[in-house]
């Protein structure tokens, strides 16, 4: 394999990028001035070395803690649990949510070998055990795996005294939070219900 094929293969591994799109991106980059490709490579390198998960919530940051966890004005008693870090800015933009987050780093998917130990369940247990959290809002995607993850968390937190709520129904089944429009997400967050 040559350098072009290697780049196509790496780009095709990105979500939503198929082989043809990866080829188009590769040839687009090759037609640009060399400095542009070097800037892109340097930016990717900087992200790979400087960005890491926040130790308190799992979202990505360059600092010791993310801006949400570092903000004393946020309500630490409200904890919104999302599957991926990409959902945090979506909730932030679309709602007036002023609590904190916990990013699981995925969702339960036994067929893909993703169990509770591959997710940040231990961090969730520690956050709840601290006694600071009074409500956990389950904002997992409305997919089969997202529902299974929400059910698992509800069972995990049963008996802790923490109120567990779920985003209200009405979000499309099989959809991902990062593709939901802001109005729908805002209404779903406002109309969340306690998990029975």
C-alpha atoms as a PDB file:
ATOM      1  CA  UNK A   1       0.000   0.000   0.000  1.00  0.00           C
ATOM      2  CA  UNK A   2       1.199   3.493  -0.819  1.00  0.00           C
ATOM      3  CA  UNK A   3       0.748   6.770   1.017  1.00  0.00           C
ATOM      4  CA  UNK A   4      -2.428   7.651  -0.930  1.00  0.00           C
ATOM      5  CA  UNK A   5      -4.041   4.298  -0.174  1.00  0.00           C
ATOM      6  CA  UNK A   6      -3.015   4.612   3.478  1.00  0.00           C
ATOM      7  CA  UNK A   7      -4.689   8.026   3.757  1.00  0.00           C
ATOM      8  CA  UNK A   8      -7.843   6.790   2.033  1.00  0.00           C
ATOM      9  CA  UNK A   9      -7.981   3.824   4.417  1.00  0.00           C
ATOM     10  CA  UNK A  10      -7.511   6.040   7.501  1.00  0.00           C
ATOM     11  CA  UNK A  11     -10.137   8.567   6.382  1.00  0.00           C
ATOM     12  CA  UNK A  12     -12.591   5.743   5.589  1.00  0.00           C
ATOM     13  CA  UNK A  13     -12.381   4.648   9.253  1.00  0.00           C
ATOM     14  CA  UNK A  14     -14.016   7.908  10.341  1.00  0.00           C
ATOM     15  CA  UNK A  15     -17.759   7.728  11.084  1.00  0.00           C
ATOM     16  CA  UNK A  16     -19.908   8.685   8.131  1.00  0.00           C
ATOM     17  CA  UNK A  17     -16.995   8.529   5.686  1.00  0.00           C
ATOM     18  CA  UNK A  18     -17.144   5.764   3.120  1.00  0.00           C
ATOM     19  CA  UNK A  19     -14.416   4.705   0.729  1.00  0.00           C
ATOM     20  CA  UNK A  20     -15.520   7.074  -2.077  1.00  0.00           C
ATOM     21  CA  UNK A  21     -15.741  10.079   0.230  1.00  0.00           C
ATOM     22  CA  UNK A  22     -12.327   9.182   1.655  1.00  0.00           C
ATOM     23  CA  UNK A  23     -10.919   9.125  -1.884  1.00  0.00           C
ATOM     24  CA  UNK A  24     -12.470  12.520  -2.677  1.00  0.00           C
ATOM     25  CA  UNK A  25     -11.040  14.013   0.521  1.00  0.00           C
ATOM     26  CA  UNK A  26      -7.615  12.547  -0.198  1.00  0.00           C
ATOM     27  CA  UNK A  27      -7.477  13.944  -3.728  1.00  0.00           C
ATOM     28  CA  UNK A  28      -8.809  17.288  -2.515  1.00  0.00           C
ATOM     29  CA  UNK A  29      -5.965  17.455   0.023  1.00  0.00           C
ATOM     30  CA  UNK A  30      -3.434  16.515  -2.654  1.00  0.00           C
ATOM     31  CA  UNK A  31      -4.605  19.429  -4.818  1.00  0.00           C
ATOM     32  CA  UNK A  32      -4.120  21.954  -1.997  1.00  0.00           C
ATOM     33  CA  UNK A  33      -0.875  23.776  -1.244  1.00  0.00           C
ATOM     34  CA  UNK A  34       1.493  21.616   0.777  1.00  0.00           C
ATOM     35  CA  UNK A  35       1.241  24.010   3.744  1.00  0.00           C
ATOM     36  CA  UNK A  36      -2.454  23.224   4.117  1.00  0.00           C
ATOM     37  CA  UNK A  37      -1.802  19.496   4.454  1.00  0.00           C
ATOM     38  CA  UNK A  38       1.030  20.211   6.887  1.00  0.00           C
ATOM     39  CA  UNK A  39      -1.289  22.437   8.985  1.00  0.00           C
ATOM     40  CA  UNK A  40      -3.894  19.686   9.046  1.00  0.00           C
ATOM     41  CA  UNK A  41      -1.276  17.114  10.104  1.00  0.00           C
ATOM     42  CA  UNK A  42       0.081  19.441  12.802  1.00  0.00           C
ATOM     43  CA  UNK A  43      -3.446  20.117  14.109  1.00  0.00           C
ATOM     44  CA  UNK A  44      -4.230  16.396  14.260  1.00  0.00           C
ATOM     45  CA  UNK A  45      -0.952  15.806  16.086  1.00  0.00           C
ATOM     46  CA  UNK A  46      -1.704  18.571  18.588  1.00  0.00           C
ATOM     47  CA  UNK A  47      -5.165  17.178  19.275  1.00  0.00           C
ATOM     48  CA  UNK A  48      -3.738  13.687  19.758  1.00  0.00           C
ATOM     49  CA  UNK A  49      -1.135  14.871  22.266  1.00  0.00           C
ATOM     50  CA  UNK A  50      -2.928  17.689  24.130  1.00  0.00           C
ATOM     51  CA  UNK A  51      -6.584  16.645  24.335  1.00  0.00           C
ATOM     52  CA  UNK A  52      -7.678  14.091  26.940  1.00  0.00           C
ATOM     53  CA  UNK A  53     -10.863  13.071  28.759  1.00  0.00           C
ATOM     54  CA  UNK A  54     -11.797  15.208  31.756  1.00  0.00           C
ATOM     55  CA  UNK A  55     -11.207  13.059  34.870  1.00  0.00           C
ATOM     56  CA  UNK A  56     -14.545  14.162  36.370  1.00  0.00           C
ATOM     57  CA  UNK A  57     -16.913  13.767  33.424  1.00  0.00           C
ATOM     58  CA  UNK A  58     -15.134  12.183  30.464  1.00  0.00           C
ATOM     59  CA  UNK A  59     -15.660  14.997  27.966  1.00  0.00           C
ATOM     60  CA  UNK A  60     -12.611  16.184  26.039  1.00  0.00           C
ATOM     61  CA  UNK A  61     -10.422  19.016  27.275  1.00  0.00           C
ATOM     62  CA  UNK A  62      -6.901  20.389  27.048  1.00  0.00           C
ATOM     63  CA  UNK A  63      -6.961  21.527  30.680  1.00  0.00           C
ATOM     64  CA  UNK A  64      -6.850  19.578  33.933  1.00  0.00           C
ATOM     65  CA  UNK A  65     -10.683  19.724  34.005  1.00  0.00           C
ATOM     66  CA  UNK A  66     -13.228  20.712  31.364  1.00  0.00           C
ATOM     67  CA  UNK A  67     -14.930  24.120  31.457  1.00  0.00           C
ATOM     68  CA  UNK A  68     -18.236  22.645  32.690  1.00  0.00           C
ATOM     69  CA  UNK A  69     -16.654  20.809  35.641  1.00  0.00           C
ATOM     70  CA  UNK A  70     -14.540  23.883  36.405  1.00  0.00           C
ATOM     71  CA  UNK A  71     -17.551  26.228  36.475  1.00  0.00           C
ATOM     72  CA  UNK A  72     -18.705  26.755  40.105  1.00  0.00           C
ATOM     73  CA  UNK A  73     -22.031  28.153  38.840  1.00  0.00           C
ATOM     74  CA  UNK A  74     -23.062  24.751  37.448  1.00  0.00           C
ATOM     75  CA  UNK A  75     -25.496  22.699  39.544  1.00  0.00           C
ATOM     76  CA  UNK A  76     -23.462  19.701  40.726  1.00  0.00           C
ATOM     77  CA  UNK A  77     -26.623  17.989  42.000  1.00  0.00           C
ATOM     78  CA  UNK A  78     -27.857  17.430  38.417  1.00  0.00           C
ATOM     79  CA  UNK A  79     -25.875  14.913  36.378  1.00  0.00           C
ATOM     80  CA  UNK A  80     -26.719  14.394  32.702  1.00  0.00           C
ATOM     81  CA  UNK A  81     -25.395  11.064  31.402  1.00  0.00           C
ATOM     82  CA  UNK A  82     -24.630  10.932  27.666  1.00  0.00           C
ATOM     83  CA  UNK A  83     -23.059   8.266  25.493  1.00  0.00           C
ATOM     84  CA  UNK A  84     -20.431  10.340  23.711  1.00  0.00           C
ATOM     85  CA  UNK A  85     -18.642  13.641  24.278  1.00  0.00           C
ATOM     86  CA  UNK A  86     -20.154  14.950  21.028  1.00  0.00           C
ATOM     87  CA  UNK A  87     -23.564  15.082  22.769  1.00  0.00           C
ATOM     88  CA  UNK A  88     -22.383  17.595  25.405  1.00  0.00           C
ATOM     89  CA  UNK A  89     -22.167  20.630  23.087  1.00  0.00           C
ATOM     90  CA  UNK A  90     -25.499  19.617  21.530  1.00  0.00           C
ATOM     91  CA  UNK A  91     -27.246  19.684  24.921  1.00  0.00           C
ATOM     92  CA  UNK A  92     -25.414  22.905  25.831  1.00  0.00           C
ATOM     93  CA  UNK A  93     -26.477  24.688  22.630  1.00  0.00           C
ATOM     94  CA  UNK A  94     -30.059  23.440  22.560  1.00  0.00           C
ATOM     95  CA  UNK A  95     -31.132  23.718  26.190  1.00  0.00           C
ATOM     96  CA  UNK A  96     -30.806  25.792  29.316  1.00  0.00           C
ATOM     97  CA  UNK A  97     -29.318  22.851  31.215  1.00  0.00           C
ATOM     98  CA  UNK A  98     -27.012  24.138  33.969  1.00  0.00           C
ATOM     99  CA  UNK A  99     -25.991  20.864  35.585  1.00  0.00           C
ATOM    100  CA  UNK A 100     -22.945  18.713  34.994  1.00  0.00           C
ATOM    101  CA  UNK A 101     -22.261  15.779  32.675  1.00  0.00           C
ATOM    102  CA  UNK A 102     -20.923  12.275  32.640  1.00  0.00           C
ATOM    103  CA  UNK A 103     -19.787  10.888  29.278  1.00  0.00           C
ATOM    104  CA  UNK A 104     -19.995   7.095  29.198  1.00  0.00           C
ATOM    105  CA  UNK A 105     -17.693   6.717  26.211  1.00  0.00           C
ATOM    106  CA  UNK A 106     -20.177   4.553  24.303  1.00  0.00           C
ATOM    107  CA  UNK A 107     -23.189   2.384  24.981  1.00  0.00           C
ATOM    108  CA  UNK A 108     -23.763  -1.207  25.974  1.00  0.00           C
ATOM    109  CA  UNK A 109     -23.509  -3.428  22.916  1.00  0.00           C
ATOM    110  CA  UNK A 110     -22.787  -7.092  23.672  1.00  0.00           C
ATOM    111  CA  UNK A 111     -22.593  -7.902  19.944  1.00  0.00           C
ATOM    112  CA  UNK A 112     -19.714  -5.411  19.617  1.00  0.00           C
ATOM    113  CA  UNK A 113     -18.093  -6.564  22.861  1.00  0.00           C
ATOM    114  CA  UNK A 114     -19.001  -3.413  24.794  1.00  0.00           C
ATOM    115  CA  UNK A 115     -20.009  -4.220  28.355  1.00  0.00           C
ATOM    116  CA  UNK A 116     -20.277  -2.036  31.472  1.00  0.00           C
ATOM    117  CA  UNK A 117     -16.554  -2.387  32.148  1.00  0.00           C
ATOM    118  CA  UNK A 118     -15.726  -0.654  28.842  1.00  0.00           C
ATOM    119  CA  UNK A 119     -17.835   2.362  29.823  1.00  0.00           C
ATOM    120  CA  UNK A 120     -17.392   4.906  32.624  1.00  0.00           C
ATOM    121  CA  UNK A 121     -19.786   3.107  34.989  1.00  0.00           C
ATOM    122  CA  UNK A 122     -17.230   3.165  37.830  1.00  0.00           C
ATOM    123  CA  UNK A 123     -16.942   6.944  37.463  1.00  0.00           C
ATOM    124  CA  UNK A 124     -20.737   7.199  37.545  1.00  0.00           C
ATOM    125  CA  UNK A 125     -20.865   5.124  40.747  1.00  0.00           C
ATOM    126  CA  UNK A 126     -18.170   7.343  42.332  1.00  0.00           C
ATOM    127  CA  UNK A 127     -19.996  10.541  41.390  1.00  0.00           C
ATOM    128  CA  UNK A 128     -23.255   9.238  42.877  1.00  0.00           C
ATOM    129  CA  UNK A 129     -21.502   7.832  45.976  1.00  0.00           C
ATOM    130  CA  UNK A 130     -20.034  11.288  46.680  1.00  0.00           C
ATOM    131  CA  UNK A 131     -23.503  12.304  47.896  1.00  0.00           C
ATOM    132  CA  UNK A 132     -23.490  15.472  45.808  1.00  0.00           C
ATOM    133  CA  UNK A 133     -25.724  14.174  42.982  1.00  0.00           C
ATOM    134  CA  UNK A 134     -29.465  14.174  43.650  1.00  0.00           C
ATOM    135  CA  UNK A 135     -30.714  13.516  40.078  1.00  0.00           C
ATOM    136  CA  UNK A 136     -29.232  11.540  37.200  1.00  0.00           C
ATOM    137  CA  UNK A 137     -30.719  12.422  33.821  1.00  0.00           C
ATOM    138  CA  UNK A 138     -30.314   9.583  31.322  1.00  0.00           C
ATOM    139  CA  UNK A 139     -29.710  11.176  27.929  1.00  0.00           C
ATOM    140  CA  UNK A 140     -28.626   8.074  26.039  1.00  0.00           C
ATOM    141  CA  UNK A 141     -29.697   7.766  22.426  1.00  0.00           C
ATOM    142  CA  UNK A 142     -33.178   6.355  21.752  1.00  0.00           C
ATOM    143  CA  UNK A 143     -31.758   3.239  20.083  1.00  0.00           C
ATOM    144  CA  UNK A 144     -31.903  -0.368  21.260  1.00  0.00           C
ATOM    145  CA  UNK A 145     -28.395  -0.063  22.748  1.00  0.00           C
ATOM    146  CA  UNK A 146     -29.168   3.353  24.264  1.00  0.00           C
ATOM    147  CA  UNK A 147     -32.296   1.981  25.926  1.00  0.00           C
ATOM    148  CA  UNK A 148     -30.359  -1.034  27.243  1.00  0.00           C
ATOM    149  CA  UNK A 149     -27.701   1.315  28.635  1.00  0.00           C
ATOM    150  CA  UNK A 150     -30.342   3.487  30.321  1.00  0.00           C
ATOM    151  CA  UNK A 151     -32.001   0.410  31.845  1.00  0.00           C
ATOM    152  CA  UNK A 152     -28.640  -0.851  33.121  1.00  0.00           C
ATOM    153  CA  UNK A 153     -27.839   2.509  34.742  1.00  0.00           C
ATOM    154  CA  UNK A 154     -31.286   2.695  36.323  1.00  0.00           C
ATOM    155  CA  UNK A 155     -30.751  -0.744  37.865  1.00  0.00           C
ATOM    156  CA  UNK A 156     -27.215   0.194  38.902  1.00  0.00           C
ATOM    157  CA  UNK A 157     -28.459   3.260  40.779  1.00  0.00           C
ATOM    158  CA  UNK A 158     -31.500   1.569  42.291  1.00  0.00           C
ATOM    159  CA  UNK A 159     -31.363   1.932  46.064  1.00  0.00           C
ATOM    160  CA  UNK A 160     -28.905   4.846  46.077  1.00  0.00           C
ATOM    161  CA  UNK A 161     -31.599   7.407  46.854  1.00  0.00           C
ATOM    162  CA  UNK A 162     -30.762   9.339  43.693  1.00  0.00           C
ATOM    163  CA  UNK A 163     -33.663  10.290  41.435  1.00  0.00           C
ATOM    164  CA  UNK A 164     -33.196   8.774  37.961  1.00  0.00           C
ATOM    165  CA  UNK A 165     -34.955  10.465  35.030  1.00  0.00           C
ATOM    166  CA  UNK A 166     -34.920   9.806  31.295  1.00  0.00           C
ATOM    167  CA  UNK A 167     -35.281  12.275  28.458  1.00  0.00           C
ATOM    168  CA  UNK A 168     -38.932  12.365  27.440  1.00  0.00           C
ATOM    169  CA  UNK A 169     -40.095  10.232  24.564  1.00  0.00           C
ATOM    170  CA  UNK A 170     -40.553  11.899  21.242  1.00  0.00           C
ATOM    171  CA  UNK A 171     -36.946  11.675  20.161  1.00  0.00           C
ATOM    172  CA  UNK A 172     -36.767   9.533  17.027  1.00  0.00           C
ATOM    173  CA  UNK A 173     -35.953   5.879  17.623  1.00  0.00           C
ATOM    174  CA  UNK A 174     -32.615   4.948  16.100  1.00  0.00           C
ATOM    175  CA  UNK A 175     -31.439   8.570  16.048  1.00  0.00           C
ATOM    176  CA  UNK A 176     -28.328  10.070  17.614  1.00  0.00           C
ATOM    177  CA  UNK A 177     -28.462  13.101  19.898  1.00  0.00           C
ATOM    178  CA  UNK A 178     -25.954  15.053  17.828  1.00  0.00           C
ATOM    179  CA  UNK A 179     -28.402  15.031  14.868  1.00  0.00           C
ATOM    180  CA  UNK A 180     -31.513  16.059  16.822  1.00  0.00           C
ATOM    181  CA  UNK A 181     -32.735  19.621  16.319  1.00  0.00           C
ATOM    182  CA  UNK A 182     -32.434  21.951  19.274  1.00  0.00           C
ATOM    183  CA  UNK A 183     -36.164  22.492  19.834  1.00  0.00           C
ATOM    184  CA  UNK A 184     -36.892  18.759  20.023  1.00  0.00           C
ATOM    185  CA  UNK A 185     -33.977  18.166  22.386  1.00  0.00           C
ATOM    186  CA  UNK A 186     -34.926  21.130  24.577  1.00  0.00           C
ATOM    187  CA  UNK A 187     -38.526  19.894  24.928  1.00  0.00           C
ATOM    188  CA  UNK A 188     -37.335  16.355  25.616  1.00  0.00           C
ATOM    189  CA  UNK A 189     -35.040  17.578  28.391  1.00  0.00           C
ATOM    190  CA  UNK A 190     -37.744  19.776  29.924  1.00  0.00           C
ATOM    191  CA  UNK A 191     -40.299  16.922  29.846  1.00  0.00           C
ATOM    192  CA  UNK A 192     -37.987  14.244  31.259  1.00  0.00           C
ATOM    193  CA  UNK A 193     -39.654  11.660  33.484  1.00  0.00           C
ATOM    194  CA  UNK A 194     -38.548   9.574  36.423  1.00  0.00           C
ATOM    195  CA  UNK A 195     -37.662   6.028  35.453  1.00  0.00           C
ATOM    196  CA  UNK A 196     -40.216   3.687  37.098  1.00  0.00           C
END
